[in-house]
PDB file of N, CA and C in Angstrom:
ATOM      1  N   MET A   1       0.746  -1.298   0.229  1.00  0.00           N
ATOM      2  CA  MET A   1      -0.271   0.266  -0.364  1.00  0.00           C
ATOM      3  C   MET A   1       1.107   1.389  -0.074  1.00  0.00           C
ATOM      4  N   ALA A   2       0.286   2.211  -0.635  1.00  0.00           N
ATOM      5  CA  ALA A   2       1.192   3.976  -1.011  1.00  0.00           C
ATOM      6  C   ALA A   2       1.200   4.520   0.390  1.00  0.00           C
ATOM      7  N   PRO A   3       2.203   4.725   1.114  1.00  0.00           N
ATOM      8  CA  PRO A   3       2.619   5.817   1.733  1.00  0.00           C
ATOM      9  C   PRO A   3       0.892   6.630   2.125  1.00  0.00           C
ATOM     10  N   LEU A   4       0.963   6.811   3.217  1.00  0.00           N
ATOM     11  CA  LEU A   4      -0.139   8.062   4.132  1.00  0.00           C
ATOM     12  C   LEU A   4       0.647   8.734   3.543  1.00  0.00           C
ATOM     13  N   ARG A   5       0.006  10.697   3.006  1.00  0.00           N
ATOM     14  CA  ARG A   5       1.030  11.589   3.522  1.00  0.00           C
ATOM     15  C   ARG A   5       0.808  11.899   5.084  1.00  0.00           C
ATOM     16  N   PRO A   6       2.161  12.482   4.839  1.00  0.00           N
ATOM     17  CA  PRO A   6       1.982  12.706   7.230  1.00  0.00           C
ATOM     18  C   PRO A   6       1.064  13.397   7.146  1.00  0.00           C
ATOM     19  N   GLU A   7       0.328  14.864   7.078  1.00  0.00           N
ATOM     20  CA  GLU A   7      -1.084  14.834   7.148  1.00  0.00           C
ATOM     21  C   GLU A   7      -2.173  13.942   7.774  1.00  0.00           C
ATOM     22  N   LEU A   8      -1.578  13.300   6.919  1.00  0.00           N
ATOM     23  CA  LEU A   8      -3.574  11.576   6.940  1.00  0.00           C
ATOM     24  C   LEU A   8      -2.745  10.627   8.050  1.00  0.00           C
ATOM     25  N   ARG A   9      -1.100  10.207   8.020  1.00  0.00           N
ATOM     26  CA  ARG A   9      -0.640   9.423   9.066  1.00  0.00           C
ATOM     27  C   ARG A   9      -0.505  10.616  10.104  1.00  0.00           C
ATOM     28  N   GLN A  10      -0.803  11.558  11.001  1.00  0.00           N
ATOM     29  CA  GLN A  10      -1.025  11.594  12.065  1.00  0.00           C
ATOM     30  C   GLN A  10      -2.176  12.418  11.992  1.00  0.00           C
ATOM     31  N   VAL A  11      -3.771  12.341  11.294  1.00  0.00           N
ATOM     32  CA  VAL A  11      -4.452  12.466  11.976  1.00  0.00           C
ATOM     33  C   VAL A  11      -5.665  10.736  12.258  1.00  0.00           C
ATOM     34  N   LEU A  12      -4.560   9.776  11.748  1.00  0.00           N
ATOM     35  CA  LEU A  12      -4.997   8.334  12.281  1.00  0.00           C
ATOM     36  C   LEU A  12      -4.519   8.396  13.660  1.00  0.00           C
ATOM     37  N   LEU A  13      -3.032   8.542  13.726  1.00  0.00           N
ATOM     38  CA  LEU A  13      -2.337   8.743  15.636  1.00  0.00           C
ATOM     39  C   LEU A  13      -2.906   8.986  16.204  1.00  0.00           C
ATOM     40  N   SER A  14      -3.655  10.208  16.293  1.00  0.00           N
ATOM     41  CA  SER A  14      -4.246  11.266  17.256  1.00  0.00           C
ATOM     42  C   SER A  14      -6.303  10.288  17.444  1.00  0.00           C
ATOM     43  N   ALA A  15      -6.248   9.604  15.937  1.00  0.00           N
ATOM     44  CA  ALA A  15      -7.288   8.712  16.138  1.00  0.00           C
ATOM     45  C   ALA A  15      -7.719   7.324  17.237  1.00  0.00           C
ATOM     46  N   LEU A  16      -6.455   6.874  17.379  1.00  0.00           N
ATOM     47  CA  LEU A  16      -6.001   5.971  17.710  1.00  0.00           C
ATOM     48  C   LEU A  16      -6.094   6.366  19.525  1.00  0.00           C
ATOM     49  N   GLU A  17      -4.824   7.626  19.267  1.00  0.00           N
ATOM     50  CA  GLU A  17      -4.820   8.246  20.926  1.00  0.00           C
ATOM     51  C   GLU A  17      -5.809   8.666  21.907  1.00  0.00           C
ATOM     52  N   LYS A  18      -7.075   9.052  20.784  1.00  0.00           N
ATOM     53  CA  LYS A  18      -7.869   9.455  21.772  1.00  0.00           C
ATOM     54  C   LYS A  18      -9.355   9.389  21.852  1.00  0.00           C
ATOM     55  N   ARG A  19      -8.744   7.703  21.578  1.00  0.00           N
ATOM     56  CA  ARG A  19     -10.506   6.959  21.260  1.00  0.00           C
ATOM     57  C   ARG A  19     -11.209   7.296  22.018  1.00  0.00           C
ATOM     58  N   ARG A  20     -12.682   7.530  22.076  1.00  0.00           N
ATOM     59  CA  ARG A  20     -13.588   7.727  22.905  1.00  0.00           C
ATOM     60  C   ARG A  20     -14.169   5.902  22.871  1.00  0.00           C
ATOM     61  N   ARG A  21     -14.596   5.713  24.592  1.00  0.00           N
ATOM     62  CA  ARG A  21     -14.960   3.936  24.519  1.00  0.00           C
ATOM     63  C   ARG A  21     -16.166   3.445  23.747  1.00  0.00           C
ATOM     64  N   ASP A  22     -17.061   4.994  22.948  1.00  0.00           N
ATOM     65  CA  ASP A  22     -18.000   3.783  21.659  1.00  0.00           C
ATOM     66  C   ASP A  22     -17.778   4.530  20.940  1.00  0.00           C
ATOM     67  N   ASP A  23     -16.606   4.926  20.055  1.00  0.00           N
ATOM     68  CA  ASP A  23     -16.271   5.910  18.901  1.00  0.00           C
ATOM     69  C   ASP A  23     -15.946   4.223  17.739  1.00  0.00           C
ATOM     70  N   THR A  24     -16.410   5.116  16.981  1.00  0.00           N
ATOM     71  CA  THR A  24     -15.706   4.104  15.813  1.00  0.00           C
ATOM     72  C   THR A  24     -15.064   4.875  15.040  1.00  0.00           C
ATOM     73  N   ILE A  25     -14.117   4.284  14.456  1.00  0.00           N
ATOM     74  CA  ILE A  25     -13.112   4.256  13.436  1.00  0.00           C
ATOM     75  C   ILE A  25     -13.677   5.462  12.518  1.00  0.00           C
ATOM     76  N   GLU A  26     -14.027   5.462  12.335  1.00  0.00           N
ATOM     77  CA  GLU A  26     -14.867   6.793  11.295  1.00  0.00           C
ATOM     78  C   GLU A  26     -15.087   8.591  12.201  1.00  0.00           C
ATOM     79  N   GLN A  27     -15.844   7.752  13.394  1.00  0.00           N
ATOM     80  CA  GLN A  27     -16.053   9.582  14.261  1.00  0.00           C
ATOM     81  C   GLN A  27     -14.554   9.597  14.634  1.00  0.00           C
ATOM     82  N   ALA A  28     -13.955   9.006  14.798  1.00  0.00           N
ATOM     83  CA  ALA A  28     -12.754   8.988  16.557  1.00  0.00           C
ATOM     84  C   ALA A  28     -11.559  10.124  14.379  1.00  0.00           C
ATOM     85  N   LEU A  29     -11.305   9.891  13.171  1.00  0.00           N
ATOM     86  CA  LEU A  29     -10.726   9.985  12.126  1.00  0.00           C
ATOM     87  C   LEU A  29     -11.197  11.193  11.386  1.00  0.00           C
ATOM     88  N   GLY A  30     -13.037  10.901  11.338  1.00  0.00           N
ATOM     89  CA  GLY A  30     -13.752  12.263  11.460  1.00  0.00           C
ATOM     90  C   GLY A  30     -13.146  13.833  12.174  1.00  0.00           C
ATOM     91  N   ARG A  31     -13.049  13.642  13.630  1.00  0.00           N
ATOM     92  CA  ARG A  31     -13.389  14.661  14.755  1.00  0.00           C
ATOM     93  C   ARG A  31     -11.521  14.901  14.529  1.00  0.00           C
ATOM     94  N   GLU A  32     -11.161  13.864  14.300  1.00  0.00           N
ATOM     95  CA  GLU A  32      -9.512  14.397  13.869  1.00  0.00           C
ATOM     96  C   GLU A  32      -8.516  14.853  12.725  1.00  0.00           C
ATOM     97  N   ALA A  33      -9.872  15.123  12.117  1.00  0.00           N
ATOM     98  CA  ALA A  33      -9.575  15.633  10.452  1.00  0.00           C
ATOM     99  C   ALA A  33      -9.984  16.864  11.041  1.00  0.00           C
ATOM    100  N   ARG A  34     -11.070  17.062  11.265  1.00  0.00           N
ATOM    101  CA  ARG A  34     -11.619  18.310  10.814  1.00  0.00           C
ATOM    102  C   ARG A  34     -10.502  19.206  12.665  1.00  0.00           C
ATOM    103  N   ARG A  35     -10.226  18.138  13.577  1.00  0.00           N
ATOM    104  CA  ARG A  35      -9.131  19.061  14.102  1.00  0.00           C
ATOM    105  C   ARG A  35      -8.105  19.457  13.899  1.00  0.00           C
ATOM    106  N   ALA A  36      -7.535  18.778  12.977  1.00  0.00           N
ATOM    107  CA  ALA A  36      -6.137  19.298  11.191  1.00  0.00           C
ATOM    108  C   ALA A  36      -6.972  20.294  10.969  1.00  0.00           C
ATOM    109  N   GLY A  37      -7.974  20.436  10.379  1.00  0.00           N
ATOM    110  CA  GLY A  37      -8.125  21.264   9.445  1.00  0.00           C
ATOM    111  C   GLY A  37      -8.213  20.799   7.669  1.00  0.00           C
ATOM    112  N   LEU A  38      -8.348  20.321   7.727  1.00  0.00           N
ATOM    113  CA  LEU A  38      -8.125  19.213   6.736  1.00  0.00           C
ATOM    114  C   LEU A  38      -9.543  18.597   6.095  1.00  0.00           C
ATOM    115  N   SER A  39     -10.091  18.809   4.329  1.00  0.00           N
ATOM    116  CA  SER A  39     -11.399  18.519   3.967  1.00  0.00           C
ATOM    117  C   SER A  39     -11.070  17.276   4.069  1.00  0.00           C
ATOM    118  N   TYR A  40     -13.106  17.261   3.941  1.00  0.00           N
ATOM    119  CA  TYR A  40     -13.443  16.064   3.918  1.00  0.00           C
ATOM    120  C   TYR A  40     -12.667  14.971   3.343  1.00  0.00           C
ATOM    121  N   ALA A  41     -12.302  15.031   1.967  1.00  0.00           N
ATOM    122  CA  ALA A  41     -11.222  14.473   0.765  1.00  0.00           C
ATOM    123  C   ALA A  41     -10.495  14.028   1.912  1.00  0.00           C
ATOM    124  N   ASP A  42      -9.765  14.524   2.324  1.00  0.00           N
ATOM    125  CA  ASP A  42      -8.521  13.612   3.128  1.00  0.00           C
ATOM    126  C   ASP A  42      -8.687  13.028   4.139  1.00  0.00           C
ATOM    127  N   TYR A  43     -10.251  13.414   5.035  1.00  0.00           N
ATOM    128  CA  TYR A  43     -11.132  12.622   5.507  1.00  0.00           C
ATOM    129  C   TYR A  43     -11.527  10.671   5.102  1.00  0.00           C
ATOM    130  N   LEU A  44     -12.136  10.950   3.977  1.00  0.00           N
ATOM    131  CA  LEU A  44     -12.215   9.561   2.992  1.00  0.00           C
ATOM    132  C   LEU A  44     -11.056   9.435   2.839  1.00  0.00           C
ATOM    133  N   GLU A  45     -10.093   9.376   2.614  1.00  0.00           N
ATOM    134  CA  GLU A  45      -8.859   8.745   2.309  1.00  0.00           C
ATOM    135  C   GLU A  45      -8.137   8.236   3.125  1.00  0.00           C
ATOM    136  N   VAL A  46      -7.968   8.762   4.219  1.00  0.00           N
ATOM    137  CA  VAL A  46      -7.247   8.159   5.760  1.00  0.00           C
ATOM    138  C   VAL A  46      -8.310   7.507   5.927  1.00  0.00           C
ATOM    139  N   ALA A  47     -10.423   7.172   5.780  1.00  0.00           N
ATOM    140  CA  ALA A  47     -10.988   6.239   5.951  1.00  0.00           C
ATOM    141  C   ALA A  47     -10.862   4.877   5.074  1.00  0.00           C
ATOM    142  N   GLU A  48     -10.723   5.118   3.515  1.00  0.00           N
ATOM    143  CA  GLU A  48     -10.837   4.559   2.376  1.00  0.00           C
ATOM    144  C   GLU A  48      -9.349   3.636   3.051  1.00  0.00           C
ATOM    145  N   ALA A  49      -8.462   3.956   3.567  1.00  0.00           N
ATOM    146  CA  ALA A  49      -7.000   3.625   3.599  1.00  0.00           C
ATOM    147  C   ALA A  49      -7.735   2.132   4.984  1.00  0.00           C
ATOM    148  N   VAL A  50      -7.693   3.109   5.709  1.00  0.00           N
ATOM    149  CA  VAL A  50      -8.061   0.941   7.213  1.00  0.00           C
ATOM    150  C   VAL A  50      -8.997   0.623   6.883  1.00  0.00           C
ATOM    151  N   ARG A  51     -10.158   0.494   5.316  1.00  0.00           N
ATOM    152  CA  ARG A  51     -11.137   0.260   5.337  1.00  0.00           C
ATOM    153  C   ARG A  51     -10.478  -0.424   4.695  1.00  0.00           C
ATOM    154  N   GLU A  52      -9.701  -0.883   3.549  1.00  0.00           N
ATOM    155  CA  GLU A  52      -9.059  -1.311   2.416  1.00  0.00           C
ATOM    156  C   GLU A  52      -8.396  -2.330   3.273  1.00  0.00           C
ATOM    157  N   ARG A  53      -7.281  -1.971   4.607  1.00  0.00           N
ATOM    158  CA  ARG A  53      -6.996  -2.708   5.563  1.00  0.00           C
ATOM    159  C   ARG A  53      -7.404  -3.618   6.322  1.00  0.00           C
ATOM    160  N   ALA A  54      -8.827  -3.231   6.685  1.00  0.00           N
ATOM    161  CA  ALA A  54      -9.597  -3.932   7.496  1.00  0.00           C
ATOM    162  C   ALA A  54     -10.032  -5.312   6.093  1.00  0.00           C
ATOM    163  N   ARG A  55     -10.288  -5.222   4.742  1.00  0.00           N
ATOM    164  CA  ARG A  55     -10.671  -6.157   3.809  1.00  0.00           C
ATOM    165  C   ARG A  55     -10.204  -7.239   3.779  1.00  0.00           C
ATOM    166  N   LYS A  56      -8.726  -6.217   4.070  1.00  0.00           N
ATOM    167  CA  LYS A  56      -7.296  -7.232   2.821  1.00  0.00           C
ATOM    168  C   LYS A  56      -7.543  -7.749   4.537  1.00  0.00           C
ATOM    169  N   ASP A  57      -6.756  -7.748   5.534  1.00  0.00           N
ATOM    170  CA  ASP A  57      -6.177  -8.770   6.792  1.00  0.00           C
ATOM    171  C   ASP A  57      -8.311  -9.505   7.511  1.00  0.00           C
ATOM    172  N   ARG A  58      -9.048  -8.823   7.484  1.00  0.00           N
ATOM    173  CA  ARG A  58     -10.162  -9.310   7.495  1.00  0.00           C
ATOM    174  C   ARG A  58     -10.327  -9.383   8.926  1.00  0.00           C
ATOM    175  N   ASN A  59      -9.919  -7.724   8.929  1.00  0.00           N
ATOM    176  CA  ASN A  59     -10.312  -7.925  10.181  1.00  0.00           C
ATOM    177  C   ASN A  59     -11.417  -6.292  11.113  1.00  0.00           C
ATOM    178  N   GLU A  60     -10.954  -6.537  12.354  1.00  0.00           N
ATOM    179  CA  GLU A  60     -12.401  -5.102  13.068  1.00  0.00           C
ATOM    180  C   GLU A  60     -11.401  -4.576  12.213  1.00  0.00           C
ATOM    181  N   ALA A  61     -12.014  -2.473  12.149  1.00  0.00           N
ATOM    182  CA  ALA A  61     -11.212  -1.362  11.679  1.00  0.00           C
ATOM    183  C   ALA A  61     -10.960  -0.766  13.147  1.00  0.00           C
ATOM    184  N   TRP A  62     -11.316  -0.902  13.436  1.00  0.00           N
ATOM    185  CA  TRP A  62      -9.797  -0.431  15.140  1.00  0.00           C
ATOM    186  C   TRP A  62      -8.244  -1.648  14.616  1.00  0.00           C
ATOM    187  N   GLU A  63      -8.724  -2.420  14.439  1.00  0.00           N
ATOM    188  CA  GLU A  63      -7.399  -3.611  14.956  1.00  0.00           C
ATOM    189  C   GLU A  63      -6.391  -3.041  12.935  1.00  0.00           C
ATOM    190  N   ALA A  64      -7.745  -2.335  12.255  1.00  0.00           N
ATOM    191  CA  ALA A  64      -6.432  -2.487  10.684  1.00  0.00           C
ATOM    192  C   ALA A  64      -6.546  -1.104  11.424  1.00  0.00           C
ATOM    193  N   ALA A  65      -6.910  -0.194  11.932  1.00  0.00           N
ATOM    194  CA  ALA A  65      -6.315   1.092  12.038  1.00  0.00           C
ATOM    195  C   ALA A  65      -4.617   0.962  12.196  1.00  0.00           C
ATOM    196  N   LYS A  66      -5.006  -0.233  13.354  1.00  0.00           N
ATOM    197  CA  LYS A  66      -3.629  -0.008  14.533  1.00  0.00           C
ATOM    198  C   LYS A  66      -2.422  -0.444  13.439  1.00  0.00           C
ATOM    199  N   ALA A  67      -2.974  -2.141  13.002  1.00  0.00           N
ATOM    200  CA  ALA A  67      -1.555  -2.585  11.568  1.00  0.00           C
ATOM    201  C   ALA A  67      -1.623  -1.642  11.109  1.00  0.00           C
ATOM    202  N   LEU A  68      -2.509  -0.631   9.763  1.00  0.00           N
ATOM    203  CA  LEU A  68      -1.544   0.454   9.686  1.00  0.00           C
ATOM    204  C   LEU A  68      -1.142   1.200   9.930  1.00  0.00           C
ATOM    205  N   SER A  69      -1.248   1.754  10.852  1.00  0.00           N
ATOM    206  CA  SER A  69      -0.528   1.876  11.555  1.00  0.00           C
ATOM    207  C   SER A  69       1.050   2.660  11.598  1.00  0.00           C
ATOM    208  N   LYS A  70       1.473   2.205  12.356  1.00  0.00           N
ATOM    209  CA  LYS A  70       2.211   0.894  12.505  1.00  0.00           C
ATOM    210  C   LYS A  70       2.861   0.372  11.601  1.00  0.00           C
ATOM    211  N   GLU A  71       2.710  -0.255  10.101  1.00  0.00           N
ATOM    212  CA  GLU A  71       2.752  -0.384   8.598  1.00  0.00           C
ATOM    213  C   GLU A  71       4.236   1.106   8.365  1.00  0.00           C
ATOM    214  N   GLN A  72       2.834   2.061   8.634  1.00  0.00           N
ATOM    215  CA  GLN A  72       3.070   3.804   8.069  1.00  0.00           C
ATOM    216  C   GLN A  72       4.550   4.421   8.204  1.00  0.00           C
ATOM    217  N   GLN A  73       4.964   3.504   9.993  1.00  0.00           N
ATOM    218  CA  GLN A  73       6.010   4.273  10.954  1.00  0.00           C
ATOM    219  C   GLN A  73       7.207   3.749  10.628  1.00  0.00           C
ATOM    220  N   ASP A  74       6.637   1.874   9.960  1.00  0.00           N
ATOM    221  CA  ASP A  74       7.724   1.555   9.472  1.00  0.00           C
ATOM    222  C   ASP A  74       8.581   2.042   8.155  1.00  0.00           C
ATOM    223  N   GLN A  75       8.025   2.508   7.155  1.00  0.00           N
ATOM    224  CA  GLN A  75       7.831   2.879   5.678  1.00  0.00           C
ATOM    225  C   GLN A  75       8.657   4.567   6.267  1.00  0.00           C
TER     226      GLN A  75
END
């Protein structure tokens, strides 16, 4: 998978760090994207990357987000 842009990577990390108890990954990503001043298209890009990873690994969205975050840090 292509690396995420740095600002999207930061949104993903922030969403993981600031996860609320009943949040979906989409809610957390949306909140952090708005805080970062990013556009809806940016939110969609990072959300789709997480969904794609979840489908690929047949995993839950939060687990896919963690795996994607780790993968992005390693690149």
